[in-house]
């Protein structure tokens, strides 16, 4: 059974990620892109791409062993495209293998999916107090819409590359 087939997303622990700094040196991911309309993705496309990615990852036995450590990062390089980065343990045959390197400051937010621009502004203020500025942002959504409703929270981790 794949993660997508499960009824629930794993329970999210905000303390594991909030106000933490991660230094990644070629952290492995596979990457797909989906079209967006002014940063709003087409949900069926996300599900389709995630199924493709999960199938490739399972076939390659490249799953992160502890699902609470698995990351699916969204990055919007333009208003019309979102890149999905799925964390893996090693290269995956047939996938667009990539990696991320750098220092990433993580902060957990709870709120609507469309609140990300507001959360970025809050994050920018926090970074400024530390004399830091983000080069880029990546977002991990802890729960799918069904699980956000079930758990009563809609957590996301905002990763600022500094």
Protein backbone atom coordinates (compact mmCIF):
# COMPACT_ATOMS: atom_id res chain seq x y z
CA UNK A 1 0.00 0.00 0.00
CA UNK A 2 1.41 3.41 -0.93
CA UNK A 3 1.25 6.51 1.24
CA UNK A 4 -1.33 7.89 -1.18
CA UNK A 5 -3.56 4.87 -0.61
CA UNK A 6 -3.57 5.32 3.16
CA UNK A 7 -6.59 6.93 4.69
CA UNK A 8 -4.48 9.34 6.74
CA UNK A 9 -1.27 11.30 6.57
CA UNK A 10 1.17 10.54 9.41
CA UNK A 11 0.59 12.58 12.56
CA UNK A 12 2.70 15.73 12.34
CA UNK A 13 4.95 16.94 15.18
CA UNK A 14 5.54 20.69 14.72
CA UNK A 15 8.31 20.69 17.35
CA UNK A 16 10.44 18.45 15.17
CA UNK A 17 10.64 21.16 12.50
CA UNK A 18 9.75 24.55 13.98
CA UNK A 19 12.55 27.11 14.29
CA UNK A 20 15.18 24.59 13.20
CA UNK A 21 18.11 25.01 10.86
CA UNK A 22 18.91 22.25 8.38
CA UNK A 23 22.14 22.06 6.43
CA UNK A 24 21.64 19.88 3.39
CA UNK A 25 24.54 18.67 1.30
CA UNK A 26 23.12 17.16 -1.88
CA UNK A 27 19.99 15.91 -0.07
CA UNK A 28 18.38 13.59 -2.65
CA UNK A 29 14.97 14.28 -4.14
CA UNK A 30 13.06 13.40 -7.25
CA UNK A 31 11.32 16.25 -9.00
CA UNK A 32 8.18 16.77 -11.06
CA UNK A 33 6.39 19.92 -12.19
CA UNK A 34 2.71 20.81 -12.37
CA UNK A 35 1.01 23.73 -14.07
CA UNK A 36 -0.47 26.45 -11.88
CA UNK A 37 -2.57 29.51 -12.50
CA UNK A 38 -1.09 32.37 -10.47
CA UNK A 39 0.39 29.86 -7.98
CA UNK A 40 -2.84 27.88 -7.67
CA UNK A 41 -2.20 24.28 -8.72
CA UNK A 42 -4.69 22.04 -10.43
CA UNK A 43 -5.34 19.40 -7.70
CA UNK A 44 -5.84 16.46 -10.10
CA UNK A 45 -2.39 17.14 -11.55
CA UNK A 46 -0.76 17.01 -8.11
CA UNK A 47 -2.37 13.66 -7.35
CA UNK A 48 -1.34 12.25 -10.73
CA UNK A 49 2.29 13.40 -10.37
CA UNK A 50 2.46 12.16 -6.77
CA UNK A 51 1.23 8.70 -7.82
CA UNK A 52 3.89 8.53 -10.54
CA UNK A 53 6.59 9.63 -8.09
CA UNK A 54 5.48 7.22 -5.36
CA UNK A 55 5.39 4.28 -7.77
CA UNK A 56 8.95 5.02 -8.93
CA UNK A 57 10.18 5.49 -5.36
CA UNK A 58 8.59 2.24 -4.16
CA UNK A 59 9.97 0.30 -7.12
CA UNK A 60 13.46 1.67 -6.37
CA UNK A 61 13.04 1.02 -2.62
CA UNK A 62 14.04 4.63 -2.00
CA UNK A 63 11.35 5.52 0.56
CA UNK A 64 12.33 7.47 3.67
CA UNK A 65 11.98 4.78 6.40
CA UNK A 66 10.25 7.07 8.91
CA UNK A 67 7.32 8.75 7.15
CA UNK A 68 7.43 11.59 9.67
CA UNK A 69 10.83 12.53 8.16
CA UNK A 70 9.66 12.32 4.53
CA UNK A 71 9.38 15.65 2.78
CA UNK A 72 7.36 16.68 -0.23
CA UNK A 73 8.45 20.22 -0.99
CA UNK A 74 6.64 22.61 -3.28
CA UNK A 75 8.55 25.40 -4.98
CA UNK A 76 6.96 27.93 -7.31
CA UNK A 77 9.57 29.27 -9.75
CA UNK A 78 6.81 31.15 -11.58
CA UNK A 79 3.09 31.92 -11.21
CA UNK A 80 2.41 29.22 -13.82
CA UNK A 81 4.49 26.28 -12.56
CA UNK A 82 5.06 24.50 -9.29
CA UNK A 83 7.90 22.03 -8.79
CA UNK A 84 7.39 19.09 -6.46
CA UNK A 85 10.46 17.70 -4.70
CA UNK A 86 9.97 14.27 -3.09
CA UNK A 87 12.69 13.23 -0.62
CA UNK A 88 14.30 9.86 -1.26
CA UNK A 89 17.15 7.81 0.16
CA UNK A 90 18.99 7.40 -3.17
CA UNK A 91 18.65 7.88 -6.94
CA UNK A 92 15.47 6.57 -8.51
CA UNK A 93 15.53 4.96 -11.96
CA UNK A 94 13.17 6.64 -14.43
CA UNK A 95 12.77 9.76 -12.26
CA UNK A 96 14.13 13.27 -12.53
CA UNK A 97 16.77 12.91 -9.79
CA UNK A 98 17.99 16.09 -8.18
CA UNK A 99 19.32 17.31 -4.86
CA UNK A 100 19.19 20.35 -2.63
CA UNK A 101 22.19 21.84 -0.88
CA UNK A 102 22.40 24.78 1.44
CA UNK A 103 21.23 26.13 4.75
CA UNK A 104 17.48 26.08 5.30
CA UNK A 105 15.65 27.71 8.19
CA UNK A 106 12.34 25.97 8.91
CA UNK A 107 9.28 27.44 10.54
CA UNK A 108 5.93 25.73 11.03
CA UNK A 109 2.69 27.56 10.31
CA UNK A 110 -0.92 26.51 10.74
CA UNK A 111 -3.48 27.96 8.37
CA UNK A 112 -5.18 27.79 5.01
CA UNK A 113 -3.27 26.61 1.96
CA UNK A 114 -3.58 30.07 0.42
CA UNK A 115 -1.98 31.72 3.49
CA UNK A 116 1.54 30.94 2.27
CA UNK A 117 2.24 34.53 1.07
CA UNK A 118 1.26 35.79 4.54
CA UNK A 119 3.51 33.18 6.15
CA UNK A 120 6.41 34.19 3.90
CA UNK A 121 6.06 37.80 5.09
CA UNK A 122 6.16 36.64 8.72
CA UNK A 123 9.19 34.48 7.96
CA UNK A 124 10.96 37.42 6.28
CA UNK A 125 10.51 39.48 9.46
CA UNK A 126 11.93 36.65 11.58
CA UNK A 127 14.90 36.27 9.24
CA UNK A 128 15.53 40.03 9.22
CA UNK A 129 15.84 39.99 13.04
CA UNK A 130 18.71 37.50 12.54
CA UNK A 131 20.22 39.63 9.72
CA UNK A 132 19.29 36.93 7.21
CA UNK A 133 17.50 37.09 3.89
CA UNK A 134 15.90 34.18 2.04
CA UNK A 135 17.23 33.29 -1.41
CA UNK A 136 14.27 31.00 -2.00
CA UNK A 137 11.34 29.26 -0.31
CA UNK A 138 10.06 25.69 -0.28
CA UNK A 139 6.84 24.54 1.42
CA UNK A 140 5.99 21.14 2.89
CA UNK A 141 2.28 20.62 3.52
CA UNK A 142 1.96 18.22 6.48
CA UNK A 143 -1.58 17.08 5.66
CA UNK A 144 -3.80 16.52 2.68
CA UNK A 145 -7.13 18.41 2.90
CA UNK A 146 -8.95 15.38 4.37
CA UNK A 147 -6.34 14.89 7.10
CA UNK A 148 -6.18 18.62 7.88
CA UNK A 149 -9.89 18.44 8.60
CA UNK A 150 -9.51 15.21 10.59
CA UNK A 151 -6.65 16.51 12.77
CA UNK A 152 -8.04 20.04 13.07
CA UNK A 153 -4.81 21.67 11.85
CA UNK A 154 -3.42 22.56 8.46
CA UNK A 155 0.29 22.61 9.21
CA UNK A 156 2.94 23.53 6.71
CA UNK A 157 6.69 23.88 7.04
CA UNK A 158 8.16 26.88 5.31
CA UNK A 159 11.82 26.31 4.44
CA UNK A 160 13.78 29.49 3.73
CA UNK A 161 17.05 28.92 1.93
CA UNK A 162 19.46 31.45 3.39
